[in-house]
């Protein structure tokens, strides 16, 4: 089992979450579509080769984002990451994947 963590603009969060849930993430026992969200401010500066969804090349941008945490079975990781990247509005979404230890 893995813990999936990603950052997404607030207005796009529901669509991205639905995509990863439909691909197999977010089920804990008898509950599905499970996640935890923390709101914050994301900062980035697109370079000249970027095609930003928000902002302009060379200018620092700050965006209200959600940090979304959920779980993902090992056998669904590739499908879930593909769904996340397809639904996410950013050209390069920030994605973390952690190994979970059962005890």
N, C-alpha and C. Protein backbone atom coordinates (compact mmCIF):
# COMPACT_ATOMS: atom_id res chain seq x y z
N UNK A 1 0.85 -1.17 0.00
CA UNK A 1 0.00 0.00 0.00
C UNK A 1 0.89 1.24 0.00
N UNK A 2 0.48 2.24 -0.73
CA UNK A 2 1.21 3.50 -0.81
C UNK A 2 0.33 4.64 -0.29
N UNK A 3 0.99 5.70 0.17
CA UNK A 3 0.30 6.95 0.47
C UNK A 3 0.64 7.91 -0.67
N UNK A 4 -0.39 8.43 -1.30
CA UNK A 4 -0.26 9.37 -2.40
C UNK A 4 -0.55 10.77 -1.88
N UNK A 5 0.34 11.70 -2.18
CA UNK A 5 0.18 13.09 -1.78
C UNK A 5 0.41 13.95 -3.03
N UNK A 6 -0.50 14.89 -3.26
CA UNK A 6 -0.32 15.79 -4.39
C UNK A 6 -0.91 17.15 -4.06
N UNK A 7 -0.52 18.14 -4.84
CA UNK A 7 -0.97 19.51 -4.65
C UNK A 7 -1.73 19.95 -5.89
N UNK A 8 -2.87 20.62 -5.67
CA UNK A 8 -3.74 20.98 -6.78
C UNK A 8 -4.47 22.28 -6.45
N UNK A 9 -4.69 23.16 -7.44
CA UNK A 9 -5.47 24.37 -7.18
C UNK A 9 -6.84 23.99 -6.61
N UNK A 10 -7.31 24.79 -5.68
CA UNK A 10 -8.57 24.52 -4.99
C UNK A 10 -9.71 24.27 -5.97
N UNK A 11 -9.81 25.09 -7.00
CA UNK A 11 -10.93 24.98 -7.95
C UNK A 11 -10.89 23.70 -8.80
N UNK A 12 -9.73 23.05 -8.88
CA UNK A 12 -9.58 21.84 -9.69
C UNK A 12 -9.54 20.57 -8.86
N UNK A 13 -9.57 20.70 -7.55
CA UNK A 13 -9.35 19.55 -6.66
C UNK A 13 -10.38 18.44 -6.82
N UNK A 14 -11.64 18.77 -6.89
CA UNK A 14 -12.67 17.74 -6.94
C UNK A 14 -12.54 16.87 -8.20
N UNK A 15 -12.28 17.49 -9.32
CA UNK A 15 -12.13 16.74 -10.58
C UNK A 15 -10.94 15.79 -10.51
N UNK A 16 -9.82 16.25 -9.96
CA UNK A 16 -8.63 15.40 -9.86
C UNK A 16 -8.88 14.28 -8.86
N UNK A 17 -9.52 14.58 -7.74
CA UNK A 17 -9.82 13.53 -6.76
C UNK A 17 -10.73 12.46 -7.36
N UNK A 18 -11.74 12.86 -8.08
CA UNK A 18 -12.64 11.88 -8.70
C UNK A 18 -11.87 10.98 -9.67
N UNK A 19 -10.94 11.56 -10.40
CA UNK A 19 -10.15 10.78 -11.36
C UNK A 19 -9.32 9.72 -10.64
N UNK A 20 -8.66 10.08 -9.54
CA UNK A 20 -7.83 9.09 -8.85
C UNK A 20 -8.69 8.06 -8.12
N UNK A 21 -9.83 8.50 -7.59
CA UNK A 21 -10.73 7.54 -6.93
C UNK A 21 -11.26 6.53 -7.94
N UNK A 22 -11.64 7.00 -9.12
CA UNK A 22 -12.15 6.11 -10.17
C UNK A 22 -11.07 5.14 -10.66
N UNK A 23 -9.81 5.53 -10.51
CA UNK A 23 -8.70 4.67 -10.93
C UNK A 23 -8.27 3.68 -9.85
N UNK A 24 -8.84 3.80 -8.64
CA UNK A 24 -8.56 2.81 -7.60
C UNK A 24 -7.98 3.31 -6.31
N UNK A 25 -7.75 4.61 -6.17
CA UNK A 25 -7.20 5.16 -4.92
C UNK A 25 -8.33 5.47 -3.93
N UNK A 26 -7.96 5.59 -2.65
CA UNK A 26 -8.86 6.13 -1.64
C UNK A 26 -9.80 5.18 -0.94
N UNK A 27 -9.58 3.87 -1.03
CA UNK A 27 -10.46 2.93 -0.35
C UNK A 27 -9.78 2.41 0.92
N UNK A 28 -10.48 2.55 2.04
CA UNK A 28 -10.01 2.04 3.33
C UNK A 28 -11.13 1.17 3.90
N UNK A 29 -10.94 -0.12 3.88
CA UNK A 29 -11.96 -1.04 4.38
C UNK A 29 -13.26 -0.87 3.63
N UNK A 30 -14.33 -0.55 4.37
CA UNK A 30 -15.66 -0.39 3.78
C UNK A 30 -15.96 1.05 3.34
N UNK A 31 -14.92 1.88 3.26
CA UNK A 31 -15.10 3.29 2.90
C UNK A 31 -14.31 3.59 1.63
N UNK A 32 -14.92 4.37 0.74
CA UNK A 32 -14.18 4.76 -0.45
C UNK A 32 -14.15 6.29 -0.55
N UNK A 33 -13.39 6.78 -1.52
CA UNK A 33 -13.19 8.21 -1.75
C UNK A 33 -12.65 8.91 -0.50
N UNK A 34 -11.76 8.20 0.22
CA UNK A 34 -11.16 8.73 1.45
C UNK A 34 -9.94 9.60 1.09
N UNK A 35 -9.87 10.77 1.71
CA UNK A 35 -8.70 11.63 1.54
C UNK A 35 -8.65 12.62 2.69
N UNK A 36 -7.53 13.28 2.81
CA UNK A 36 -7.37 14.37 3.78
C UNK A 36 -6.80 15.55 3.01
N UNK A 37 -7.29 16.75 3.30
CA UNK A 37 -6.88 17.95 2.57
C UNK A 37 -6.41 19.03 3.53
N UNK A 38 -5.35 19.72 3.11
CA UNK A 38 -4.85 20.87 3.84
C UNK A 38 -4.72 22.01 2.84
N UNK A 39 -5.26 23.17 3.16
CA UNK A 39 -5.16 24.30 2.24
C UNK A 39 -3.92 25.12 2.54
N UNK A 40 -3.29 25.59 1.47
CA UNK A 40 -2.11 26.44 1.62
C UNK A 40 -1.86 27.23 0.35
N UNK A 41 -0.70 27.84 0.28
CA UNK A 41 -0.32 28.64 -0.88
C UNK A 41 0.85 27.96 -1.57
N UNK A 42 0.67 27.63 -2.84
CA UNK A 42 1.76 27.09 -3.66
C UNK A 42 2.43 28.21 -4.42
N UNK A 43 3.74 28.10 -4.57
CA UNK A 43 4.50 29.11 -5.31
C UNK A 43 5.34 28.45 -6.38
N UNK A 44 5.43 29.09 -7.54
CA UNK A 44 6.26 28.59 -8.63
C UNK A 44 6.56 29.72 -9.60
N UNK A 45 7.60 29.51 -10.41
CA UNK A 45 7.92 30.46 -11.48
C UNK A 45 8.19 29.66 -12.75
N UNK A 46 7.31 29.75 -13.72
CA UNK A 46 7.53 29.04 -14.98
C UNK A 46 8.75 29.60 -15.73
N UNK A 47 9.54 28.69 -16.33
CA UNK A 47 10.66 29.19 -17.14
C UNK A 47 10.18 29.44 -18.57
N UNK A 48 11.09 29.78 -19.45
CA UNK A 48 10.72 30.15 -20.83
C UNK A 48 10.19 28.98 -21.65
N UNK A 49 10.48 27.74 -21.24
CA UNK A 49 10.00 26.57 -21.97
C UNK A 49 8.64 26.08 -21.45
N UNK A 50 8.18 26.64 -20.36
CA UNK A 50 6.93 26.19 -19.72
C UNK A 50 5.71 26.68 -20.50
N UNK A 51 4.63 25.92 -20.32
CA UNK A 51 3.33 26.29 -20.85
C UNK A 51 2.37 26.31 -19.65
N UNK A 52 2.45 27.33 -18.81
CA UNK A 52 1.72 27.31 -17.53
C UNK A 52 0.20 27.44 -17.68
N UNK A 53 -0.49 26.67 -16.86
CA UNK A 53 -1.95 26.76 -16.74
C UNK A 53 -2.33 28.07 -16.06
N UNK A 54 -1.50 28.46 -15.10
CA UNK A 54 -1.69 29.70 -14.34
C UNK A 54 -0.37 30.46 -14.37
N UNK A 55 -0.43 31.76 -14.59
CA UNK A 55 0.77 32.60 -14.54
C UNK A 55 1.45 32.77 -15.88
N UNK A 56 2.63 33.43 -15.81
CA UNK A 56 3.40 33.73 -17.02
C UNK A 56 4.85 33.34 -16.80
N UNK A 57 5.53 32.99 -17.88
CA UNK A 57 6.94 32.64 -17.80
C UNK A 57 7.74 33.78 -17.17
N UNK A 58 8.65 33.39 -16.26
CA UNK A 58 9.54 34.37 -15.63
C UNK A 58 8.97 35.12 -14.46
N UNK A 59 7.70 34.91 -14.14
CA UNK A 59 7.05 35.66 -13.05
C UNK A 59 6.62 34.68 -11.96
N UNK A 60 6.98 34.99 -10.71
CA UNK A 60 6.58 34.15 -9.58
C UNK A 60 5.07 34.23 -9.41
N UNK A 61 4.45 33.07 -9.27
CA UNK A 61 2.99 32.97 -9.10
C UNK A 61 2.70 32.30 -7.77
N UNK A 62 1.69 32.77 -7.08
CA UNK A 62 1.22 32.14 -5.84
C UNK A 62 -0.25 31.78 -6.02
N UNK A 63 -0.58 30.52 -5.65
CA UNK A 63 -1.91 29.99 -5.91
C UNK A 63 -2.44 29.28 -4.67
N UNK A 64 -3.74 29.49 -4.37
CA UNK A 64 -4.40 28.71 -3.31
C UNK A 64 -4.50 27.27 -3.79
N UNK A 65 -3.89 26.37 -3.03
CA UNK A 65 -3.88 24.96 -3.41
C UNK A 65 -4.29 24.09 -2.22
N UNK A 66 -4.68 22.87 -2.57
CA UNK A 66 -4.92 21.85 -1.55
C UNK A 66 -3.80 20.83 -1.63
N UNK A 67 -3.33 20.41 -0.48
CA UNK A 67 -2.47 19.23 -0.38
C UNK A 67 -3.44 18.09 -0.10
N UNK A 68 -3.52 17.14 -1.00
CA UNK A 68 -4.45 16.02 -0.89
C UNK A 68 -3.65 14.76 -0.57
N UNK A 69 -4.07 14.05 0.47
CA UNK A 69 -3.43 12.80 0.87
C UNK A 69 -4.46 11.68 0.81
N UNK A 70 -4.05 10.55 0.25
CA UNK A 70 -4.93 9.39 0.18
C UNK A 70 -4.06 8.14 0.12
N UNK A 71 -4.69 6.99 0.02
CA UNK A 71 -3.93 5.76 -0.11
C UNK A 71 -4.20 5.13 -1.46
N UNK A 72 -3.27 4.24 -1.83
CA UNK A 72 -3.37 3.60 -3.14
C UNK A 72 -2.77 2.20 -3.06
N UNK A 73 -3.52 1.18 -3.47
CA UNK A 73 -2.96 -0.18 -3.51
C UNK A 73 -1.78 -0.24 -4.48
N UNK A 74 -0.80 -1.06 -4.15
CA UNK A 74 0.39 -1.18 -5.00
C UNK A 74 0.05 -1.50 -6.45
N UNK A 75 -0.94 -2.34 -6.66
CA UNK A 75 -1.27 -2.76 -8.03
C UNK A 75 -2.06 -1.72 -8.81
N UNK A 76 -2.39 -0.59 -8.18
CA UNK A 76 -3.14 0.48 -8.87
C UNK A 76 -2.31 1.75 -9.07
N UNK A 77 -1.06 1.75 -8.59
CA UNK A 77 -0.25 2.99 -8.60
C UNK A 77 -0.12 3.57 -10.00
N UNK A 78 0.26 2.77 -10.98
CA UNK A 78 0.46 3.30 -12.33
C UNK A 78 -0.83 3.89 -12.90
N UNK A 79 -1.96 3.21 -12.70
CA UNK A 79 -3.25 3.71 -13.20
C UNK A 79 -3.65 5.01 -12.51
N UNK A 80 -3.44 5.05 -11.20
CA UNK A 80 -3.82 6.23 -10.41
C UNK A 80 -2.96 7.44 -10.79
N UNK A 81 -1.65 7.24 -10.92
CA UNK A 81 -0.77 8.35 -11.30
C UNK A 81 -1.11 8.84 -12.71
N UNK A 82 -1.41 7.93 -13.61
CA UNK A 82 -1.81 8.33 -14.97
C UNK A 82 -3.09 9.15 -14.92
N UNK A 83 -4.08 8.71 -14.14
CA UNK A 83 -5.34 9.45 -14.01
C UNK A 83 -5.11 10.82 -13.39
N UNK A 84 -4.23 10.89 -12.39
CA UNK A 84 -3.93 12.17 -11.74
C UNK A 84 -3.30 13.13 -12.75
N UNK A 85 -2.31 12.66 -13.49
CA UNK A 85 -1.63 13.53 -14.46
C UNK A 85 -2.58 13.98 -15.58
N UNK A 86 -3.49 13.11 -15.99
CA UNK A 86 -4.45 13.46 -17.05
C UNK A 86 -5.44 14.51 -16.57
N UNK A 87 -5.92 14.38 -15.33
CA UNK A 87 -6.94 15.30 -14.82
C UNK A 87 -6.36 16.59 -14.27
N UNK A 88 -5.11 16.58 -13.87
CA UNK A 88 -4.50 17.74 -13.21
C UNK A 88 -4.24 18.85 -14.22
N UNK A 89 -4.52 20.10 -13.84
CA UNK A 89 -4.34 21.20 -14.80
C UNK A 89 -2.89 21.61 -15.02
N UNK A 90 -1.99 21.27 -14.08
CA UNK A 90 -0.60 21.70 -14.21
C UNK A 90 0.18 20.82 -15.17
N UNK A 91 1.09 21.45 -15.86
CA UNK A 91 1.99 20.76 -16.77
C UNK A 91 2.89 19.77 -16.00
N UNK A 92 3.32 20.16 -14.80
CA UNK A 92 4.19 19.33 -13.95
C UNK A 92 3.63 19.29 -12.53
N UNK A 93 2.62 18.46 -12.25
CA UNK A 93 2.08 18.42 -10.89
C UNK A 93 3.09 17.86 -9.89
N UNK A 94 3.06 18.38 -8.68
CA UNK A 94 3.91 17.88 -7.60
C UNK A 94 3.22 16.66 -6.99
N UNK A 95 3.89 15.51 -7.06
CA UNK A 95 3.33 14.24 -6.60
C UNK A 95 4.36 13.56 -5.70
N UNK A 96 3.93 13.11 -4.52
CA UNK A 96 4.77 12.32 -3.62
C UNK A 96 4.10 10.97 -3.43
N UNK A 97 4.91 9.92 -3.34
CA UNK A 97 4.40 8.58 -3.12
C UNK A 97 5.25 7.93 -2.03
N UNK A 98 4.60 7.48 -0.96
CA UNK A 98 5.29 6.91 0.20
C UNK A 98 4.87 5.46 0.40
N UNK A 99 5.83 4.65 0.79
CA UNK A 99 5.55 3.26 1.16
C UNK A 99 4.91 3.26 2.55
N UNK A 100 3.84 2.51 2.72
CA UNK A 100 3.21 2.38 4.03
C UNK A 100 3.59 1.05 4.66
N UNK A 101 3.72 1.06 5.97
CA UNK A 101 4.06 -0.15 6.71
C UNK A 101 2.85 -0.57 7.52
N UNK A 102 2.41 -1.81 7.34
CA UNK A 102 1.29 -2.33 8.12
C UNK A 102 1.83 -2.92 9.42
N UNK A 103 1.16 -2.58 10.54
CA UNK A 103 1.51 -3.19 11.82
C UNK A 103 0.31 -3.39 12.66
